Amino acid sequence: MKLLFDLFPVALFFAAFKLAEMDPAAAAELATHWFGALAAGGEIGPKEAPVMWATVATIAGTALQVVWLLLRRKRIEPMLWISLGIVVVFGGATLWFHNDVFIKWKPTVLYWASAGGLAVAQFGFGNNFIRKMMGAEISLPDVVWLRLLMAWIGFFVAMGCINLAVAFSFPLETWVNFKMFGSMGLMLVFVVGQALWLGRHLPQGEN
């Protein structure tokens, strides 16, 4: 369930882009009417309309996540606040400057912020957030928890680099597809690999 919640803004981005791509002229007209004031010059063209709609959908989706948790009086994780801040800043710049470069950088900034947050917490304050999230379910030696943390840091750094490589080496449509399916696929492979690796280190009774 949490995975679906986390993927909500990404799914909105993908859906909004694909829908607007079907009729760019109509999408541009609607975009200009509804949020043209957020763009320099007040007008959005057909070529840029799909990514503009996708950007607005992502900002709205992330904001809805926060509102939903607030209404349910659930704890909002720091990374969700950071994600909201990043998408508002980079998404807002995309809208204002009519430039998809900013929104392409957004996933990388979020990945690297996650890696930096994990590293600062561990090496600055001695807090292993991976252990905090999983420690109630499994028991592992300290060195294994540290290796697992380093694996997540490395994964986030690598994902940030991969995102930039796809975003700036391939057409926009390819990056949009990668953002929805490629990133999710890589995350799934990493999580499965993590589970197999952890299985070797669990006490006999927990295997």
C-alpha atoms as a PDB file:
ATOM      1  CA  MET A   1       0.000   0.000   0.000  1.00  0.00           C
ATOM      2  CA  LYS A   2       2.826   2.394   0.858  1.00  0.00           C
ATOM      3  CA  LEU A   3       4.433   1.689  -2.518  1.00  0.00           C
ATOM      4  CA  LEU A   4       1.242   2.777  -4.290  1.00  0.00           C
ATOM      5  CA  PHE A   5       1.104   5.895  -2.117  1.00  0.00           C
ATOM      6  CA  ASP A   6       4.708   6.768  -2.958  1.00  0.00           C
ATOM      7  CA  LEU A   7       4.130   6.203  -6.685  1.00  0.00           C
ATOM      8  CA  PHE A   8       1.012   8.393  -6.801  1.00  0.00           C
ATOM      9  CA  PRO A   9       2.727  11.619  -8.029  1.00  0.00           C
ATOM     10  CA  VAL A  10       4.820   9.681 -10.547  1.00  0.00           C
ATOM     11  CA  ALA A  11       1.719   7.966 -11.929  1.00  0.00           C
ATOM     12  CA  LEU A  12      -0.026  11.338 -12.214  1.00  0.00           C
ATOM     13  CA  PHE A  13       2.977  12.781 -14.055  1.00  0.00           C
ATOM     14  CA  PHE A  14       2.941   9.904 -16.543  1.00  0.00           C
ATOM     15  CA  ALA A  15      -0.840   9.959 -17.062  1.00  0.00           C
ATOM     16  CA  ALA A  16      -1.009  13.736 -17.493  1.00  0.00           C
ATOM     17  CA  PHE A  17       1.862  13.724 -19.991  1.00  0.00           C
ATOM     18  CA  LYS A  18       0.368  10.924 -22.099  1.00  0.00           C
ATOM     19  CA  LEU A  19      -3.119  12.465 -22.106  1.00  0.00           C
ATOM     20  CA  ALA A  20      -1.809  15.908 -23.112  1.00  0.00           C
ATOM     21  CA  GLU A  21       0.392  14.306 -25.769  1.00  0.00           C
ATOM     22  CA  MET A  22      -2.703  12.949 -27.528  1.00  0.00           C
ATOM     23  CA  ASP A  23      -3.853  16.466 -28.469  1.00  0.00           C
ATOM     24  CA  PRO A  24      -1.103  19.017 -27.758  1.00  0.00           C
ATOM     25  CA  ALA A  25      -3.036  21.937 -29.248  1.00  0.00           C
ATOM     26  CA  ALA A  26      -6.054  21.409 -26.997  1.00  0.00           C
ATOM     27  CA  ALA A  27      -3.762  20.718 -24.027  1.00  0.00           C
ATOM     28  CA  ALA A  28      -1.919  23.988 -24.678  1.00  0.00           C
ATOM     29  CA  GLU A  29      -5.171  25.955 -24.843  1.00  0.00           C
ATOM     30  CA  LEU A  30      -6.409  24.471 -21.570  1.00  0.00           C
ATOM     31  CA  ALA A  31      -3.029  24.922 -19.900  1.00  0.00           C
ATOM     32  CA  THR A  32      -2.908  28.576 -20.911  1.00  0.00           C
ATOM     33  CA  HIS A  33      -6.417  29.083 -19.538  1.00  0.00           C
ATOM     34  CA  TRP A  34      -5.959  27.286 -16.229  1.00  0.00           C
ATOM     35  CA  PHE A  35      -2.385  28.022 -15.222  1.00  0.00           C
ATOM     36  CA  GLY A  36      -0.959  30.322 -17.862  1.00  0.00           C
ATOM     37  CA  ALA A  37      -0.422  32.922 -15.139  1.00  0.00           C
ATOM     38  CA  LEU A  38       2.267  30.650 -13.675  1.00  0.00           C
ATOM     39  CA  ALA A  39       4.277  30.799 -16.918  1.00  0.00           C
ATOM     40  CA  ALA A  40       6.303  33.734 -18.177  1.00  0.00           C
ATOM     41  CA  GLY A  41       4.363  35.469 -20.936  1.00  0.00           C
ATOM     42  CA  GLY A  42       1.110  33.856 -19.803  1.00  0.00           C
ATOM     43  CA  GLU A  43       0.912  31.462 -22.758  1.00  0.00           C
ATOM     44  CA  ILE A  44       1.828  27.792 -23.093  1.00  0.00           C
ATOM     45  CA  GLY A  45       2.536  26.293 -26.505  1.00  0.00           C
ATOM     46  CA  PRO A  46       1.550  22.858 -27.863  1.00  0.00           C
ATOM     47  CA  LYS A  47       5.118  21.539 -27.815  1.00  0.00           C
ATOM     48  CA  GLU A  48       5.563  22.235 -24.108  1.00  0.00           C
ATOM     49  CA  ALA A  49       1.979  21.539 -22.982  1.00  0.00           C
ATOM     50  CA  PRO A  50       2.429  17.816 -22.111  1.00  0.00           C
ATOM     51  CA  VAL A  51       5.324  18.368 -19.715  1.00  0.00           C
ATOM     52  CA  MET A  52       3.589  21.431 -18.256  1.00  0.00           C
ATOM     53  CA  TRP A  53       0.481  19.412 -17.471  1.00  0.00           C
ATOM     54  CA  ALA A  54       2.623  16.593 -16.083  1.00  0.00           C
ATOM     55  CA  THR A  55       4.491  19.049 -13.857  1.00  0.00           C
ATOM     56  CA  VAL A  56       1.291  20.564 -12.480  1.00  0.00           C
ATOM     57  CA  ALA A  57      -0.077  17.060 -11.849  1.00  0.00           C
ATOM     58  CA  THR A  58       3.051  16.101  -9.902  1.00  0.00           C
ATOM     59  CA  ILE A  59       2.920  19.221  -7.738  1.00  0.00           C
ATOM     60  CA  ALA A  60      -0.782  18.651  -7.056  1.00  0.00           C
ATOM     61  CA  GLY A  61      -0.269  14.948  -6.362  1.00  0.00           C
ATOM     62  CA  THR A  62       2.521  15.539  -3.845  1.00  0.00           C
ATOM     63  CA  ALA A  63       0.505  18.276  -2.136  1.00  0.00           C
ATOM     64  CA  LEU A  64      -2.490  15.925  -1.947  1.00  0.00           C
ATOM     65  CA  GLN A  65      -0.325  13.313  -0.232  1.00  0.00           C
ATOM     66  CA  VAL A  66       0.565  15.812   2.483  1.00  0.00           C
ATOM     67  CA  VAL A  67      -3.045  16.984   2.869  1.00  0.00           C
ATOM     68  CA  TRP A  68      -4.283  13.382   3.039  1.00  0.00           C
ATOM     69  CA  LEU A  69      -1.875  12.531   5.853  1.00  0.00           C
ATOM     70  CA  LEU A  70      -2.706  15.745   7.718  1.00  0.00           C
ATOM     71  CA  LEU A  71      -6.435  15.027   7.522  1.00  0.00           C
ATOM     72  CA  ARG A  72      -5.855  11.518   8.838  1.00  0.00           C
ATOM     73  CA  ARG A  73      -3.513  12.894  11.500  1.00  0.00           C
ATOM     74  CA  LYS A  74      -0.741  10.600  10.319  1.00  0.00           C
ATOM     75  CA  ARG A  75       2.943  11.339  10.687  1.00  0.00           C
ATOM     76  CA  ILE A  76       4.438  12.987   7.610  1.00  0.00           C
ATOM     77  CA  GLU A  77       7.925  11.689   6.945  1.00  0.00           C
ATOM     78  CA  PRO A  78      10.628  14.353   6.459  1.00  0.00           C
ATOM     79  CA  MET A  79      11.361  13.091   2.940  1.00  0.00           C
ATOM     80  CA  LEU A  80       7.780  13.832   1.882  1.00  0.00           C
ATOM     81  CA  TRP A  81       8.171  17.447   3.024  1.00  0.00           C
ATOM     82  CA  ILE A  82      11.493  17.610   1.174  1.00  0.00           C
ATOM     83  CA  SER A  83       9.904  16.070  -1.917  1.00  0.00           C
ATOM     84  CA  LEU A  84       7.108  18.643  -1.820  1.00  0.00           C
ATOM     85  CA  GLY A  85       9.612  21.484  -1.508  1.00  0.00           C
ATOM     86  CA  ILE A  86      11.757  20.178  -4.374  1.00  0.00           C
ATOM     87  CA  VAL A  87       8.832  19.595  -6.727  1.00  0.00           C
ATOM     88  CA  VAL A  88       7.365  23.031  -6.010  1.00  0.00           C
ATOM     89  CA  VAL A  89      10.709  24.764  -6.654  1.00  0.00           C
ATOM     90  CA  PHE A  90      11.789  22.767  -9.713  1.00  0.00           C
ATOM     91  CA  GLY A  91       8.259  22.345 -11.037  1.00  0.00           C
ATOM     92  CA  GLY A  92       7.577  26.042 -10.577  1.00  0.00           C
ATOM     93  CA  ALA A  93      10.768  26.876 -12.480  1.00  0.00           C
ATOM     94  CA  THR A  94       9.699  24.531 -15.287  1.00  0.00           C
ATOM     95  CA  LEU A  95       6.365  26.321 -15.572  1.00  0.00           C
ATOM     96  CA  TRP A  96       7.745  29.855 -15.352  1.00  0.00           C
ATOM     97  CA  PHE A  97      10.674  29.411 -17.729  1.00  0.00           C
ATOM     98  CA  HIS A  98       8.863  27.023 -20.129  1.00  0.00           C
ATOM     99  CA  ASN A  99      11.837  24.688 -19.696  1.00  0.00           C
ATOM    100  CA  ASP A 100      11.664  20.967 -18.897  1.00  0.00           C
ATOM    101  CA  VAL A 101      15.313  20.933 -17.736  1.00  0.00           C
ATOM    102  CA  PHE A 102      14.218  21.800 -14.211  1.00  0.00           C
ATOM    103  CA  ILE A 103      11.670  19.010 -13.833  1.00  0.00           C
ATOM    104  CA  LYS A 104      14.184  16.565 -15.330  1.00  0.00           C
ATOM    105  CA  TRP A 105      16.585  17.470 -12.519  1.00  0.00           C
ATOM    106  CA  LYS A 106      13.933  17.002  -9.826  1.00  0.00           C
ATOM    107  CA  PRO A 107      14.257  13.187  -9.397  1.00  0.00           C
ATOM    108  CA  THR A 108      18.041  13.444  -9.247  1.00  0.00           C
ATOM    109  CA  VAL A 109      17.936  16.168  -6.598  1.00  0.00           C
ATOM    110  CA  LEU A 110      15.499  14.067  -4.563  1.00  0.00           C
ATOM    111  CA  TYR A 111      17.637  10.917  -4.907  1.00  0.00           C
ATOM    112  CA  TRP A 112      20.780  12.766  -3.905  1.00  0.00           C
ATOM    113  CA  ALA A 113      18.988  14.515  -1.034  1.00  0.00           C
ATOM    114  CA  SER A 114      17.907  11.076   0.219  1.00  0.00           C
ATOM    115  CA  ALA A 115      21.474   9.776  -0.022  1.00  0.00           C
ATOM    116  CA  GLY A 116      22.812  12.873   1.717  1.00  0.00           C
ATOM    117  CA  GLY A 117      20.214  12.659   4.454  1.00  0.00           C
ATOM    118  CA  LEU A 118      21.075   9.028   5.183  1.00  0.00           C
ATOM    119  CA  ALA A 119      24.802   9.787   5.200  1.00  0.00           C
ATOM    120  CA  VAL A 120      24.516  12.848   7.473  1.00  0.00           C
ATOM    121  CA  ALA A 121      22.241  11.007   9.912  1.00  0.00           C
ATOM    122  CA  GLN A 122      24.666   8.079  10.159  1.00  0.00           C
ATOM    123  CA  PHE A 123      28.037   9.770  10.145  1.00  0.00           C
ATOM    124  CA  GLY A 124      26.989  13.033  11.749  1.00  0.00           C
ATOM    125  CA  PHE A 125      24.560  11.823  14.402  1.00  0.00           C
ATOM    126  CA  GLY A 126      25.009   8.044  14.569  1.00  0.00           C
ATOM    127  CA  ASN A 127      21.438   7.337  13.391  1.00  0.00           C
ATOM    128  CA  ASN A 128      20.954   4.552  10.879  1.00  0.00           C
ATOM    129  CA  PHE A 129      17.530   5.283   9.384  1.00  0.00           C
ATOM    130  CA  ILE A 130      17.404   1.963   7.541  1.00  0.00           C
ATOM    131  CA  ARG A 131      17.837   0.209  10.867  1.00  0.00           C
ATOM    132  CA  LYS A 132      15.142   2.392  12.418  1.00  0.00           C
ATOM    133  CA  MET A 133      12.700   1.442   9.675  1.00  0.00           C
ATOM    134  CA  MET A 134      13.466  -2.285   9.633  1.00  0.00           C
ATOM    135  CA  GLY A 135      14.960  -2.986  13.050  1.00  0.00           C
ATOM    136  CA  ALA A 136      11.627  -3.906  14.637  1.00  0.00           C
ATOM    137  CA  GLU A 137      11.139  -6.708  12.114  1.00  0.00           C
ATOM    138  CA  ILE A 138      14.597  -8.270  11.823  1.00  0.00           C
ATOM    139  CA  SER A 139      17.716  -8.555  13.955  1.00  0.00           C
ATOM    140  CA  LEU A 140      21.093  -8.013  12.307  1.00  0.00           C
ATOM    141  CA  PRO A 141      24.671  -7.316  13.437  1.00  0.00           C
ATOM    142  CA  ASP A 142      25.714  -3.652  13.471  1.00  0.00           C
ATOM    143  CA  VAL A 143      28.126  -4.146  10.579  1.00  0.00           C
ATOM    144  CA  VAL A 144      25.339  -5.579   8.399  1.00  0.00           C
ATOM    145  CA  TRP A 145      23.076  -2.622   9.160  1.00  0.00           C
ATOM    146  CA  LEU A 146      25.890  -0.278   8.141  1.00  0.00           C
ATOM    147  CA  ARG A 147      26.489  -2.159   4.889  1.00  0.00           C
ATOM    148  CA  LEU A 148      22.783  -2.051   4.154  1.00  0.00           C
ATOM    149  CA  LEU A 149      22.741   1.686   4.749  1.00  0.00           C
ATOM    150  CA  MET A 150      25.722   2.169   2.440  1.00  0.00           C
ATOM    151  CA  ALA A 151      23.945   0.094  -0.215  1.00  0.00           C
ATOM    152  CA  TRP A 152      20.936   2.432  -0.065  1.00  0.00           C
ATOM    153  CA  ILE A 153      23.151   5.494  -0.241  1.00  0.00           C
ATOM    154  CA  GLY A 154      24.956   4.040  -3.258  1.00  0.00           C
ATOM    155  CA  PHE A 155      21.649   3.123  -4.886  1.00  0.00           C
ATOM    156  CA  PHE A 156      20.246   6.644  -4.503  1.00  0.00           C
ATOM    157  CA  VAL A 157      23.439   8.204  -5.870  1.00  0.00           C
ATOM    158  CA  ALA A 158      23.398   5.814  -8.837  1.00  0.00           C
ATOM    159  CA  MET A 159      19.702   6.463  -9.518  1.00  0.00           C
ATOM    160  CA  GLY A 160      20.362  10.186  -9.594  1.00  0.00           C
ATOM    161  CA  CYS A 161      23.088   9.695 -12.166  1.00  0.00           C
ATOM    162  CA  ILE A 162      20.993   7.309 -14.265  1.00  0.00           C
ATOM    163  CA  ASN A 163      18.103   9.773 -14.281  1.00  0.00           C
ATOM    164  CA  LEU A 164      20.364  12.513 -15.662  1.00  0.00           C
ATOM    165  CA  ALA A 165      21.799  10.169 -18.291  1.00  0.00           C
ATOM    166  CA  VAL A 166      18.335   9.215 -19.555  1.00  0.00           C
ATOM    167  CA  ALA A 167      16.887  12.729 -19.239  1.00  0.00           C
ATOM    168  CA  PHE A 168      19.608  14.442 -21.259  1.00  0.00           C
ATOM    169  CA  SER A 169      20.647  11.702 -23.684  1.00  0.00           C
ATOM    170  CA  PHE A 170      17.233  10.596 -24.955  1.00  0.00           C
ATOM    171  CA  PRO A 171      13.988  12.242 -26.138  1.00  0.00           C
ATOM    172  CA  LEU A 172      11.589  13.614 -23.523  1.00  0.00           C
ATOM    173  CA  GLU A 173       9.108  10.803 -24.146  1.00  0.00           C
ATOM    174  CA  THR A 174      11.773   8.203 -23.339  1.00  0.00           C
ATOM    175  CA  TRP A 175      12.568   9.909 -20.061  1.00  0.00           C
ATOM    176  CA  VAL A 176       8.875  10.050 -19.112  1.00  0.00           C
ATOM    177  CA  ASN A 177       8.559   6.299 -19.730  1.00  0.00           C
ATOM    178  CA  PHE A 178      11.747   5.641 -17.761  1.00  0.00           C
ATOM    179  CA  LYS A 179      10.503   7.778 -14.890  1.00  0.00           C
ATOM    180  CA  MET A 180       7.396   5.618 -14.614  1.00  0.00           C
ATOM    181  CA  PHE A 181       8.644   2.138 -15.467  1.00  0.00           C
ATOM    182  CA  GLY A 182      12.445   2.162 -15.493  1.00  0.00           C
ATOM    183  CA  SER A 183      12.880   3.712 -12.064  1.00  0.00           C
ATOM    184  CA  MET A 184      10.261   1.411 -10.574  1.00  0.00           C
ATOM    185  CA  GLY A 185      11.902  -1.610 -12.196  1.00  0.00           C
ATOM    186  CA  LEU A 186      15.347  -0.707 -10.876  1.00  0.00           C
ATOM    187  CA  MET A 187      13.913  -0.147  -7.410  1.00  0.00           C
ATOM    188  CA  LEU A 188      12.226  -3.559  -7.528  1.00  0.00           C
ATOM    189  CA  VAL A 189      15.459  -5.260  -8.599  1.00  0.00           C
ATOM    190  CA  PHE A 190      17.355  -3.525  -5.803  1.00  0.00           C
ATOM    191  CA  VAL A 191      14.781  -4.455  -3.143  1.00  0.00           C
ATOM    192  CA  VAL A 192      14.710  -8.093  -4.274  1.00  0.00           C
ATOM    193  CA  GLY A 193      18.519  -8.182  -4.261  1.00  0.00           C
ATOM    194  CA  GLN A 194      18.496  -6.653  -0.787  1.00  0.00           C
ATOM    195  CA  ALA A 195      16.086  -9.323   0.456  1.00  0.00           C
ATOM    196  CA  LEU A 196      18.256 -12.129  -0.941  1.00  0.00           C
ATOM    197  CA  TRP A 197      21.378 -10.597   0.589  1.00  0.00           C
ATOM    198  CA  LEU A 198      19.699 -10.112   3.963  1.00  0.00           C
ATOM    199  CA  GLY A 199      18.584 -13.748   3.942  1.00  0.00           C
ATOM    200  CA  ARG A 200      22.234 -14.781   4.251  1.00  0.00           C
ATOM    201  CA  HIS A 201      22.685 -12.699   7.406  1.00  0.00           C
ATOM    202  CA  LEU A 202      19.471 -13.424   9.303  1.00  0.00           C
ATOM    203  CA  PRO A 203      19.640 -15.661  12.369  1.00  0.00           C
ATOM    204  CA  GLN A 204      18.559 -19.227  11.609  1.00  0.00           C
ATOM    205  CA  GLY A 205      15.173 -18.783  13.281  1.00  0.00           C
ATOM    206  CA  GLU A 206      14.264 -15.756  11.119  1.00  0.00           C
ATOM    207  CA  ASN A 207      15.016 -17.321   7.705  1.00  0.00           C
END
